[in-house]
Protein backbone atom coordinates (compact mmCIF):
# COMPACT_ATOMS: atom_id res chain seq x y z
CA UNK A 1 0.00 0.00 0.00
CA UNK A 2 1.48 3.32 -1.03
CA UNK A 3 1.54 6.22 1.40
CA UNK A 4 -0.84 8.97 0.24
CA UNK A 5 0.12 12.64 0.35
CA UNK A 6 -2.58 15.31 0.20
CA UNK A 7 -2.27 19.07 -0.12
CA UNK A 8 -5.45 19.95 1.74
CA UNK A 9 -6.96 22.83 3.63
CA UNK A 10 -8.01 24.53 0.36
CA UNK A 11 -10.62 24.31 1.75
CA UNK A 12 -10.79 22.50 5.07
CA UNK A 13 -14.36 21.20 4.62
CA UNK A 14 -13.55 19.27 1.46
CA UNK A 15 -10.32 17.94 2.98
CA UNK A 16 -12.47 16.25 5.62
CA UNK A 17 -14.51 14.79 2.76
CA UNK A 18 -11.35 13.41 1.16
CA UNK A 19 -10.15 11.82 4.39
CA UNK A 20 -13.54 10.28 5.11
CA UNK A 21 -13.92 8.99 1.55
CA UNK A 22 -10.47 7.38 1.45
CA UNK A 23 -10.76 5.74 4.87
CA UNK A 24 -14.27 4.47 4.13
CA UNK A 25 -13.04 2.91 0.87
CA UNK A 26 -10.31 1.05 2.72
CA UNK A 27 -12.75 -0.18 5.37
CA UNK A 28 -14.67 -1.89 2.59
CA UNK A 29 -11.64 -3.90 1.60
CA UNK A 30 -10.88 -7.41 2.89
CA UNK A 31 -11.66 -7.74 6.62
CA UNK A 32 -12.56 -4.09 7.10
CA UNK A 33 -9.48 -3.37 9.21
CA UNK A 34 -7.33 -1.88 6.48
CA UNK A 35 -6.30 1.69 7.26
CA UNK A 36 -4.63 3.89 4.64
CA UNK A 37 -1.47 5.80 5.50
CA UNK A 38 -2.29 9.43 4.71
CA UNK A 39 -0.10 12.49 5.11
CA UNK A 40 -2.02 15.78 4.89
CA UNK A 41 -0.41 19.19 4.48
CA UNK A 42 -3.26 21.45 5.57
CA UNK A 43 -2.40 24.63 3.69
CA UNK A 44 -3.59 28.17 4.34
CA UNK A 45 -6.52 28.96 2.02
CA UNK A 46 -6.01 32.73 2.42
CA UNK A 47 -2.47 32.40 1.00
CA UNK A 48 -3.76 30.49 -2.02
CA UNK A 49 -6.50 33.03 -2.68
CA UNK A 50 -4.04 35.94 -2.47
CA UNK A 51 -1.84 34.26 -5.09
CA UNK A 52 -4.84 33.54 -7.32
CA UNK A 53 -6.12 37.11 -7.01
CA UNK A 54 -2.69 38.35 -8.08
CA UNK A 55 -2.79 35.91 -11.02
CA UNK A 56 0.80 34.94 -10.19
CA UNK A 57 1.02 31.45 -11.67
CA UNK A 58 4.74 31.14 -11.02
CA UNK A 59 4.16 31.84 -7.33
CA UNK A 60 1.29 29.34 -7.28
CA UNK A 61 3.49 26.60 -8.73
CA UNK A 62 6.24 27.34 -6.18
CA UNK A 63 3.67 27.38 -3.36
CA UNK A 64 2.43 23.93 -4.33
CA UNK A 65 5.92 22.53 -4.93
CA UNK A 66 7.05 23.57 -1.45
CA UNK A 67 4.18 21.59 0.06
CA UNK A 68 4.82 18.60 -2.18
CA UNK A 69 8.48 18.61 -1.11
CA UNK A 70 7.34 18.58 2.52
CA UNK A 71 5.04 15.60 1.87
CA UNK A 72 7.89 13.84 0.06
CA UNK A 73 10.24 14.30 3.01
CA UNK A 74 7.52 13.00 5.33
CA UNK A 75 7.35 9.75 3.35
CA UNK A 76 4.49 10.14 0.90
CA UNK A 77 4.85 7.99 -2.23
CA UNK A 78 2.43 9.94 -4.42
CA UNK A 79 0.33 13.04 -3.91
CA UNK A 80 -2.84 14.88 -4.85
CA UNK A 81 -4.04 18.47 -4.65
CA UNK A 82 -7.43 18.36 -2.93
CA UNK A 83 -8.86 21.29 -4.87
CA UNK A 84 -9.78 21.98 -8.49
CA UNK A 85 -8.60 25.59 -8.83
CA UNK A 86 -4.82 25.02 -8.26
CA UNK A 87 -4.84 22.57 -11.17
CA UNK A 88 -4.43 25.63 -13.41
CA UNK A 89 -0.67 24.99 -12.97
CA UNK A 90 -0.86 21.20 -12.69
CA UNK A 91 1.27 20.45 -15.78
CA UNK A 92 4.17 22.59 -14.54
CA UNK A 93 3.90 21.29 -10.99
CA UNK A 94 3.70 17.63 -12.11
CA UNK A 95 6.81 18.16 -14.26
CA UNK A 96 8.82 19.41 -11.27
CA UNK A 97 7.21 17.47 -8.42
CA UNK A 98 9.34 15.07 -6.36
CA UNK A 99 6.25 12.82 -6.21
CA UNK A 100 3.93 11.30 -8.83
CA UNK A 101 0.70 13.32 -8.92
CA UNK A 102 -2.88 12.28 -9.66
CA UNK A 103 -4.96 15.00 -11.33
CA UNK A 104 -8.56 15.62 -10.26
CA UNK A 105 -9.23 17.07 -13.72
CA UNK A 106 -7.95 14.07 -15.68
CA UNK A 107 -9.80 11.65 -13.40
CA UNK A 108 -13.05 13.61 -13.82
CA UNK A 109 -12.75 13.88 -17.60
CA UNK A 110 -11.96 10.17 -17.84
CA UNK A 111 -15.08 9.42 -15.78
CA UNK A 112 -17.24 11.66 -17.98
CA UNK A 113 -15.92 9.94 -21.09
CA UNK A 114 -16.64 6.49 -19.63
CA UNK A 115 -20.25 7.57 -19.07
CA UNK A 116 -20.58 8.66 -22.70
CA UNK A 117 -21.22 12.30 -21.79
CA UNK A 118 -20.88 14.91 -24.52
CA UNK A 119 -21.99 18.26 -23.08
CA UNK A 120 -21.18 18.60 -19.39
CA UNK A 121 -21.84 21.76 -17.45
CA UNK A 122 -19.03 22.97 -15.20
CA UNK A 123 -19.71 24.89 -12.00
CA UNK A 124 -16.91 26.37 -9.90
CA UNK A 125 -14.88 29.43 -8.95
CA UNK A 126 -14.22 32.29 -11.34
CA UNK A 127 -10.56 31.17 -11.34
CA UNK A 128 -11.56 27.75 -12.67
CA UNK A 129 -13.97 29.22 -15.20
CA UNK A 130 -11.41 31.67 -16.56
CA UNK A 131 -8.78 28.99 -17.21
CA UNK A 132 -8.82 26.18 -19.75
CA UNK A 133 -7.51 23.31 -17.64
CA UNK A 134 -10.93 21.63 -17.67
CA UNK A 135 -11.90 22.66 -21.19
CA UNK A 136 -8.85 21.22 -22.96
CA UNK A 137 -8.99 17.65 -21.54
CA UNK A 138 -12.76 17.57 -22.19
CA UNK A 139 -12.31 18.86 -25.74
CA UNK A 140 -9.66 16.21 -26.36
CA UNK A 141 -12.29 13.61 -25.46
CA UNK A 142 -14.92 15.08 -27.77
CA UNK A 143 -16.86 16.91 -25.05
CA UNK A 144 -17.87 20.58 -24.96
CA UNK A 145 -18.24 22.43 -21.66
CA UNK A 146 -20.85 24.97 -20.57
CA UNK A 147 -19.49 27.18 -17.80
CA UNK A 148 -21.10 28.80 -14.75
CA UNK A 149 -19.16 30.32 -11.87
CA UNK A 150 -20.58 30.76 -8.37
CA UNK A 151 -17.58 32.41 -6.74
CA UNK A 152 -19.37 34.52 -4.13
CA UNK A 153 -21.45 31.71 -2.63
CA UNK A 154 -18.43 29.42 -2.46
CA UNK A 155 -16.24 31.79 -0.47
CA UNK A 156 -18.88 33.52 1.66
CA UNK A 157 -20.68 30.32 2.72
CA UNK A 158 -19.66 26.88 1.51
CA UNK A 159 -15.88 27.19 2.08
CA UNK A 160 -16.73 28.25 5.63
CA UNK A 161 -18.91 25.18 6.23
CA UNK A 162 -22.14 27.22 6.00
CA UNK A 163 -24.68 25.09 4.15
CA UNK A 164 -28.01 26.81 3.52
CA UNK A 165 -31.01 25.18 1.92
CA UNK A 166 -31.80 28.51 0.24
CA UNK A 167 -28.38 28.44 -1.44
CA UNK A 168 -28.90 24.81 -2.46
CA UNK A 169 -32.20 25.75 -4.12
CA UNK A 170 -30.57 28.72 -5.83
CA UNK A 171 -27.82 26.49 -7.25
CA UNK A 172 -30.33 23.86 -8.38
CA UNK A 173 -32.27 26.59 -10.17
CA UNK A 174 -29.08 27.53 -12.04
CA UNK A 175 -28.68 23.88 -13.04
CA UNK A 176 -32.26 23.80 -14.32
CA UNK A 177 -31.54 26.83 -16.50
CA UNK A 178 -28.35 25.25 -17.84
CA UNK A 179 -30.31 22.14 -18.80
CA UNK A 180 -33.09 24.15 -20.46
CA UNK A 181 -30.97 26.79 -22.22
CA UNK A 182 -27.69 25.03 -22.91
CA UNK A 183 -28.76 21.37 -23.11
CA UNK A 184 -26.11 20.11 -20.69
CA UNK A 185 -26.22 16.34 -20.15
CA UNK A 186 -24.38 16.36 -16.80
CA UNK A 187 -22.82 18.73 -14.27
CA UNK A 188 -19.19 18.67 -13.15
CA UNK A 189 -18.99 19.94 -9.58
CA UNK A 190 -15.77 21.80 -10.31
CA UNK A 191 -15.07 22.83 -6.74
CA UNK A 192 -14.45 20.22 -4.06
CA UNK A 193 -16.84 22.04 -1.70
CA UNK A 194 -19.81 21.78 -4.07
CA UNK A 195 -20.63 18.13 -3.24
CA UNK A 196 -21.24 19.31 0.33
CA UNK A 197 -24.31 21.22 -0.86
CA UNK A 198 -25.23 19.65 -4.20
CA UNK A 199 -25.51 16.10 -2.94
CA UNK A 200 -28.13 14.88 -5.37
CA UNK A 201 -28.73 14.92 -9.11
CA UNK A 202 -31.27 17.28 -10.64
CA UNK A 203 -33.23 17.58 -13.86
CA UNK A 204 -32.46 14.00 -14.77
CA UNK A 205 -28.73 14.62 -15.32
CA UNK A 206 -25.83 13.11 -13.35
CA UNK A 207 -23.68 15.26 -11.08
CA UNK A 208 -19.97 14.42 -11.32
CA UNK A 209 -18.60 14.72 -7.80
CA UNK A 210 -14.95 15.61 -8.44
CA UNK A 211 -13.99 14.79 -4.84
CA UNK A 212 -15.48 11.28 -4.98
CA UNK A 213 -13.99 10.65 -8.43
CA UNK A 214 -10.56 11.79 -7.21
CA UNK A 215 -10.89 9.58 -4.14
CA UNK A 216 -11.58 6.55 -6.35
CA UNK A 217 -8.38 7.28 -8.24
CA UNK A 218 -6.41 7.79 -5.02
CA UNK A 219 -7.51 4.41 -3.65
CA UNK A 220 -6.68 2.75 -6.98
CA UNK A 221 -3.22 4.34 -7.08
CA UNK A 222 -2.49 3.51 -3.43
CA UNK A 223 -3.34 -0.16 -3.93
CA UNK A 224 -1.90 -0.78 -7.42
CA UNK A 225 -0.27 -4.19 -7.56
CA UNK A 226 -1.79 -5.20 -4.25
CA UNK A 227 -3.73 -8.48 -4.11
CA UNK A 228 -7.16 -8.15 -2.57
CA UNK A 229 -7.93 -10.41 0.38
């Protein structure tokens, strides 16, 4: 079993979701007593947001690489970034990382392709919407994306663990409009906090929970070559 490294804390609520998802997956293996070895660098979200606001991609890459180096020294054998937005510099970071990395974007696009989806909607931060790190892998798989950012609600409520039913209904109404006006056939929850509030499908389309999809990949990578009991 490979030791898992996670850059978390961006944000804290979804990092809890990652930890719970990974440990639950291991409990379902063999006799239920398997426990994954997980190293979490809980980073400062305010630092990340300041870098993103400054649009300093070089600083973002260095910020992530410092944390990956720390996980490497602590004994991690591969690592993930438990957030969609920092994947804007994933290619550069993966090239220089001391650890193999597993991309949440590639895992999500692979999942969408396996489901035969052609026109996913993507909901996330304005940083994610402004970049092309989701669009390009989807386009390469013959999918077109319809974008909708919900920046304010994410950082004023959901990132802080504030889950309001009124906000959930507002987001579901946006999904309904995307289905009606843009004919989306699915919705990528392109922020790892979104599954905390959009926990069910709507309008007959599947929601792609990027956290859960990433967790599946993490468990697969951690147990590659391991015989199941």
